[in-house]
Amino acid sequence: MYALEADYGEELEAFLIWMKDAGFTAYTQKSYLADAREFLGSLNGKPLGAVKRLHVVSYLTSVRERGVSDATRNRKHASVSCLFKALQELELLDVNPATGIKKSKTEKNREPVFLDESDLERFLGAVKGKYRARNLAVFLLMAYMGLRVGEVHTLNLSDYNEERRSLRVFGKGRKWRNVPVPEDVSPYLEQAIAERLSPWRSKEEAMFVSQKSRRLSIRTIQGIASETFARFQQEIPESRRKAYSSHKLRHSFATMLLRKGADLRTVQELLGHSSIQTTTVYTHITSREKEEAMAKLQVSLPDQSR
């Protein structure tokens, strides 16, 4: 079996150091490193200084031919691009052959899957188990404050200001934002903090910890969400069940705000979007709302009998 470390050990180590220094989450580091290893494996020992854009495009084409989604292909592209960017900044390479390669077009006009308010209430009612208080708080932060799963993962106890009832969130692009905690949500968050297990490591500052008293991982949060969504839809015929995930709670938050009249710029700030174009995906309208809007029209037609 081909050992990557023999040819690219220094580069892989440098990439990991660069990601840690850049503040990438452990989850992102793991994903990007796996993608980088896959790409390097496709080079068959070719020195990275001899890699051209053609080699990167060839790798991404092989990825597409395996049938992965456009989003996954784009992530692998980002991983490879970051690898070369890291090596450039650390003065191990002079050029980045992954720059200028177009991303795959994703379905921008596809309506996000979301839960309306009555569905959210039923979903939260499906939260069960020994760690119900913790899990309920996690889902409330996503459904009523719009946090990403990765943002929930990185929360520390010091990020919650009980007096001001606000949460300091470390989001994408290494940007901080302050999000007000709704009055109805704060008691559940405070209960979860009060019932938090005492970590074995005294320096563990994570707001949400596992039964092993370690920071709750992204994969664990996603798994708890999957189990809860399964209970939420257990009475629904399998053919009518929707592909819900933890991220759909964030979609629900954005949809609720816009339906209640919040302006796009405010929603953009609360979600932590760098571009307002990203926020516009949530301005979808349901069939029921279209019918209600059309019913308000009064049509005046000339008398056909004349």
Protein backbone atom coordinates (compact mmCIF):
# COMPACT_ATOMS: atom_id res chain seq x y z
CA MET A 1 0.00 0.00 0.00
CA TYR A 2 1.34 3.44 -0.99
CA ALA A 3 2.42 5.50 2.05
CA LEU A 4 1.73 9.21 1.50
CA GLU A 5 3.99 10.27 4.35
CA ALA A 6 7.03 9.04 2.46
CA ASP A 7 6.50 11.68 -0.25
CA TYR A 8 4.28 14.30 1.40
CA GLY A 9 4.77 13.95 5.15
CA GLU A 10 6.26 17.43 5.59
CA GLU A 11 3.52 19.06 3.50
CA LEU A 12 0.70 17.31 5.37
CA GLU A 13 2.19 18.30 8.72
CA ALA A 14 2.61 21.88 7.53
CA PHE A 15 -1.01 21.97 6.30
CA LEU A 16 -2.30 20.80 9.68
CA ILE A 17 -0.19 23.40 11.52
CA TRP A 18 -1.48 26.12 9.15
CA MET A 19 -5.13 25.13 9.72
CA LYS A 20 -4.70 25.12 13.50
CA ASP A 21 -3.05 28.53 13.39
CA ALA A 22 -5.84 29.84 11.12
CA GLY A 23 -8.44 28.76 13.69
CA PHE A 24 -10.13 26.03 11.65
CA THR A 25 -12.37 23.81 13.75
CA ALA A 26 -11.21 20.26 14.50
CA TYR A 27 -14.04 18.99 12.26
CA THR A 28 -12.87 21.13 9.31
CA GLN A 29 -9.24 20.15 9.88
CA LYS A 30 -10.20 16.47 9.74
CA SER A 31 -12.30 16.90 6.56
CA TYR A 32 -9.75 19.05 4.72
CA LEU A 33 -6.87 16.78 5.70
CA ALA A 34 -8.76 13.72 4.41
CA ASP A 35 -9.47 15.50 1.11
CA ALA A 36 -5.84 16.63 0.82
CA ARG A 37 -4.61 13.07 1.41
CA GLU A 38 -6.99 11.79 -1.27
CA PHE A 39 -5.69 14.39 -3.73
CA LEU A 40 -2.05 13.67 -2.91
CA GLY A 41 -2.72 9.97 -3.39
CA SER A 42 -3.85 10.72 -6.95
CA LEU A 43 -0.44 12.25 -7.78
CA ASN A 44 1.48 8.97 -7.41
CA GLY A 45 4.48 10.65 -5.78
CA LYS A 46 4.77 13.63 -8.15
CA PRO A 47 6.59 16.53 -6.42
CA LEU A 48 4.13 19.28 -5.50
CA GLY A 49 6.30 21.88 -7.19
CA ALA A 50 5.60 20.08 -10.48
CA VAL A 51 1.81 19.95 -10.03
CA LYS A 52 -0.14 21.98 -12.61
CA ARG A 53 -3.75 23.09 -12.81
CA LEU A 54 -4.38 20.12 -15.11
CA HIS A 55 -3.60 17.69 -12.26
CA VAL A 56 -6.05 19.42 -9.93
CA VAL A 57 -8.80 19.50 -12.58
CA SER A 58 -8.12 15.83 -13.36
CA TYR A 59 -8.57 14.95 -9.66
CA LEU A 60 -11.80 16.98 -9.38
CA THR A 61 -13.11 15.34 -12.57
CA SER A 62 -12.48 11.90 -11.09
CA VAL A 63 -14.34 13.00 -7.97
CA ARG A 64 -17.33 14.09 -10.07
CA GLU A 65 -17.30 10.81 -12.00
CA ARG A 66 -17.69 8.93 -8.70
CA GLY A 67 -21.09 10.57 -8.42
CA VAL A 68 -20.51 12.85 -5.43
CA SER A 69 -22.66 15.96 -5.03
CA ASP A 70 -21.57 19.35 -6.37
CA ALA A 71 -21.29 20.58 -2.78
CA THR A 72 -18.86 17.76 -1.92
CA ARG A 73 -16.84 18.39 -5.08
CA ASN A 74 -16.61 22.08 -4.14
CA ARG A 75 -15.47 21.20 -0.62
CA LYS A 76 -12.70 18.99 -2.02
CA HIS A 77 -11.69 21.83 -4.32
CA ALA A 78 -11.54 24.17 -1.31
CA SER A 79 -9.45 21.63 0.61
CA VAL A 80 -6.88 21.31 -2.18
CA SER A 81 -6.80 25.08 -2.68
CA CYS A 82 -6.21 25.57 1.05
CA LEU A 83 -3.43 22.99 0.98
CA PHE A 84 -1.52 24.93 -1.68
CA LYS A 85 -2.32 28.27 -0.03
CA ALA A 86 -0.86 26.96 3.23
CA LEU A 87 2.29 25.72 1.54
CA GLN A 88 2.66 29.07 -0.22
CA GLU A 89 2.31 31.05 3.00
CA LEU A 90 4.75 28.73 4.78
CA GLU A 91 7.21 29.23 1.88
CA LEU A 92 7.26 25.57 0.85
CA LEU A 93 5.79 26.33 -2.60
CA ASP A 94 5.70 29.31 -4.96
CA VAL A 95 2.37 28.82 -6.76
CA ASN A 96 -1.15 27.57 -6.10
CA PRO A 97 -2.31 25.51 -9.12
CA ALA A 98 -5.84 25.23 -7.65
CA THR A 99 -6.64 28.93 -8.05
CA GLY A 100 -8.87 30.00 -10.93
CA ILE A 101 -10.65 26.65 -11.20
CA LYS A 102 -14.41 27.17 -11.34
CA LYS A 103 -16.65 25.74 -8.67
CA SER A 104 -19.48 23.41 -9.59
CA LYS A 105 -22.83 25.13 -9.93
CA THR A 106 -25.19 24.14 -7.14
CA GLU A 107 -28.96 24.46 -7.13
CA LYS A 108 -29.20 28.04 -5.88
CA ASN A 109 -32.92 28.29 -6.51
CA ARG A 110 -33.82 25.15 -4.58
CA GLU A 111 -36.05 26.00 -1.65
CA PRO A 112 -34.50 25.15 1.72
CA VAL A 113 -36.25 22.47 3.77
CA PHE A 114 -37.58 24.00 6.99
CA LEU A 115 -40.07 23.46 9.79
CA ASP A 116 -42.88 25.91 10.50
CA GLU A 117 -43.64 26.97 14.09
CA SER A 118 -46.10 24.15 14.82
CA ASP A 119 -43.62 21.58 13.45
CA LEU A 120 -40.85 23.08 15.57
CA GLU A 121 -42.98 22.70 18.67
CA ARG A 122 -43.60 19.04 17.87
CA PHE A 123 -39.91 18.49 17.07
CA LEU A 124 -38.83 19.96 20.41
CA GLY A 125 -41.42 17.74 22.08
CA ALA A 126 -39.60 14.76 20.56
CA VAL A 127 -36.41 15.57 22.48
CA LYS A 128 -36.08 12.76 25.02
CA GLY A 129 -33.51 11.00 27.17
CA LYS A 130 -31.09 11.52 30.02
CA TYR A 131 -29.57 14.66 28.48
CA ARG A 132 -32.87 16.26 27.44
CA ALA A 133 -32.04 19.67 28.98
CA ARG A 134 -28.72 19.87 27.12
CA ASN A 135 -30.15 18.68 23.80
CA LEU A 136 -33.17 20.97 24.06
CA ALA A 137 -30.90 23.96 24.62
CA VAL A 138 -28.75 22.96 21.62
CA PHE A 139 -31.78 22.76 19.32
CA LEU A 140 -33.27 26.01 20.65
CA LEU A 141 -30.04 27.85 19.83
CA MET A 142 -30.28 26.61 16.24
CA ALA A 143 -34.05 26.96 15.76
CA TYR A 144 -34.61 30.28 17.55
CA MET A 145 -31.20 31.95 17.27
CA GLY A 146 -29.97 30.59 13.93
CA LEU A 147 -26.67 29.08 15.10
CA ARG A 148 -24.79 26.66 12.85
CA VAL A 149 -23.96 23.25 14.29
CA GLY A 150 -20.27 24.18 14.26
CA GLU A 151 -21.03 27.37 16.19
CA VAL A 152 -22.88 25.41 18.88
CA HIS A 153 -19.89 23.06 19.04
CA THR A 154 -17.41 25.90 19.71
CA LEU A 155 -19.51 27.70 22.37
CA ASN A 156 -17.84 28.22 25.74
CA LEU A 157 -19.51 28.99 29.07
CA SER A 158 -18.02 32.49 29.01
CA ASP A 159 -19.81 33.25 25.72
CA TYR A 160 -23.18 33.59 27.48
CA ASN A 161 -23.88 36.89 29.22
CA GLU A 162 -26.79 36.13 31.53
CA GLU A 163 -27.23 39.75 32.62
CA ARG A 164 -27.48 41.09 29.07
CA ARG A 165 -29.10 37.88 27.84
CA SER A 166 -26.81 37.64 24.83
CA LEU A 167 -24.56 35.03 23.28
CA ARG A 168 -21.16 35.66 21.69
CA VAL A 169 -20.85 33.38 18.64
CA PHE A 170 -17.67 32.50 16.73
CA GLY A 171 -18.82 31.97 13.16
CA LYS A 172 -17.54 31.36 9.64
CA GLY A 173 -14.63 33.44 8.48
CA ARG A 174 -13.40 33.59 12.09
CA LYS A 175 -15.91 36.38 12.75
CA TRP A 176 -17.61 37.03 16.08
CA ARG A 177 -21.21 38.20 16.40
CA ASN A 178 -23.48 38.89 19.36
CA VAL A 179 -26.92 37.29 19.21
CA PRO A 180 -29.70 38.27 21.66
CA VAL A 181 -31.11 35.28 23.52
CA PRO A 182 -34.94 35.29 23.35
CA GLU A 183 -36.62 35.61 26.74
CA ASP A 184 -38.34 32.23 26.31
CA VAL A 185 -35.05 30.50 25.41
CA SER A 186 -32.83 31.78 28.24
CA PRO A 187 -34.37 29.58 31.01
CA TYR A 188 -33.66 26.44 28.97
CA LEU A 189 -30.09 27.56 28.24
CA GLU A 190 -29.49 28.36 31.90
CA GLN A 191 -30.96 25.01 32.96
CA ALA A 192 -28.61 23.20 30.56
CA ILE A 193 -25.64 25.11 31.97
CA ALA A 194 -26.74 24.36 35.55
CA GLU A 195 -27.07 20.62 34.77
CA ARG A 196 -23.80 20.50 32.80
CA LEU A 197 -21.58 17.58 33.77
CA SER A 198 -18.38 18.51 35.58
CA PRO A 199 -15.56 17.84 33.09
CA TRP A 200 -12.66 15.63 34.10
CA ARG A 201 -10.33 18.27 32.71
CA SER A 202 -10.56 21.41 34.84
CA LYS A 203 -9.75 23.64 31.85
CA GLU A 204 -12.65 22.37 29.69
CA GLU A 205 -14.67 25.50 28.94
CA ALA A 206 -17.18 23.98 26.49
CA MET A 207 -20.77 24.99 27.12
CA PHE A 208 -22.09 21.61 25.97
CA VAL A 209 -20.24 18.46 26.98
CA SER A 210 -20.74 14.74 26.34
CA GLN A 211 -21.30 12.00 28.89
CA LYS A 212 -17.50 11.69 28.93
CA SER A 213 -17.36 15.37 29.93
CA ARG A 214 -15.69 16.43 26.68
CA ARG A 215 -16.83 19.13 24.25
CA LEU A 216 -19.85 17.88 22.33
CA SER A 217 -18.63 17.08 18.82
CA ILE A 218 -20.30 18.22 15.62
CA ARG A 219 -20.93 14.60 14.63
CA THR A 220 -22.60 13.90 18.00
CA ILE A 221 -24.88 16.94 17.67
CA GLN A 222 -25.84 15.83 14.15
CA GLY A 223 -26.50 12.30 15.43
CA ILE A 224 -28.76 13.52 18.25
CA ALA A 225 -30.65 15.66 15.72
CA SER A 226 -31.09 12.66 13.38
CA GLU A 227 -32.49 10.53 16.21
CA THR A 228 -34.88 13.31 17.26
CA PHE A 229 -36.07 13.91 13.70
CA ALA A 230 -36.69 10.17 13.38
CA ARG A 231 -38.96 10.27 16.44
CA PHE A 232 -40.58 13.46 15.14
CA GLN A 233 -41.55 11.71 11.88
CA GLN A 234 -42.25 8.19 13.17
CA GLU A 235 -46.04 8.57 12.69
CA ILE A 236 -45.60 9.81 9.11
CA PRO A 237 -45.54 7.27 6.24
CA GLU A 238 -41.98 6.74 5.08
CA SER A 239 -42.75 7.98 1.57
CA ARG A 240 -43.80 11.38 2.98
CA ARG A 241 -40.91 11.89 5.39
CA LYS A 242 -38.57 14.81 4.69
CA ALA A 243 -34.78 14.82 4.75
CA TYR A 244 -34.42 16.89 7.89
CA SER A 245 -31.06 17.57 9.52
CA SER A 246 -29.69 19.81 12.25
CA HIS A 247 -29.00 22.57 9.69
CA LYS A 248 -32.71 22.68 8.79
CA LEU A 249 -33.34 24.24 12.21
CA ARG A 250 -31.27 27.24 11.08
CA HIS A 251 -33.35 27.38 7.88
CA SER A 252 -36.47 27.44 10.05
CA PHE A 253 -35.16 30.36 12.11
CA ALA A 254 -34.44 32.47 9.03
CA THR A 255 -37.81 31.65 7.48
CA MET A 256 -39.72 32.56 10.66
CA LEU A 257 -37.95 35.91 10.97
CA LEU A 258 -38.66 36.92 7.38
CA ARG A 259 -42.30 35.84 7.62
CA LYS A 260 -42.67 38.02 10.72
CA GLY A 261 -41.43 41.05 8.82
CA ALA A 262 -37.74 41.21 9.73
CA ASP A 263 -35.68 42.90 7.03
CA LEU A 264 -33.02 40.99 5.10
CA ARG A 265 -30.12 42.99 6.52
CA THR A 266 -31.09 42.16 10.11
CA VAL A 267 -31.50 38.47 9.27
CA GLN A 268 -28.11 38.55 7.53
CA GLU A 269 -26.46 39.91 10.70
CA LEU A 270 -28.17 37.38 12.96
CA LEU A 271 -27.18 34.47 10.71
CA GLY A 272 -23.61 35.69 10.31
CA HIS A 273 -23.72 35.74 6.50
CA SER A 274 -20.89 37.68 4.88
CA SER A 275 -23.07 38.41 1.83
CA ILE A 276 -26.75 39.34 1.76
CA GLN A 277 -27.08 37.20 -1.40
CA THR A 278 -26.72 34.13 0.82
CA THR A 279 -29.63 35.33 2.94
CA THR A 280 -32.00 35.76 -0.01
CA VAL A 281 -32.33 31.96 -0.34
CA TYR A 282 -34.68 32.13 2.65
CA THR A 283 -37.17 34.44 0.95
CA HIS A 284 -39.10 31.48 -0.45
CA ILE A 285 -42.90 31.56 -0.39
CA THR A 286 -45.18 28.59 0.27
CA SER A 287 -48.09 27.58 -1.97
CA ARG A 288 -50.54 28.52 0.78
CA GLU A 289 -49.14 32.05 0.94
CA LYS A 290 -49.36 32.36 -2.85
CA GLU A 291 -53.02 31.31 -2.76
CA GLU A 292 -53.80 33.77 0.04
CA ALA A 293 -52.12 36.58 -1.86
CA MET A 294 -54.04 35.80 -5.07
CA ALA A 295 -57.34 35.63 -3.16
CA LYS A 296 -56.91 39.29 -2.20
CA LEU A 297 -57.12 40.37 -5.85
CA GLN A 298 -60.43 41.78 -7.01
CA VAL A 299 -60.89 41.12 -10.70
CA SER A 300 -63.13 43.56 -12.62
CA LEU A 301 -64.07 42.38 -16.10
CA PRO A 302 -66.29 44.00 -18.73
CA ASP A 303 -69.81 42.59 -19.09
CA GLN A 304 -69.62 39.98 -21.87
CA SER A 305 -73.36 40.27 -22.61
CA ARG A 306 -73.01 43.75 -24.09
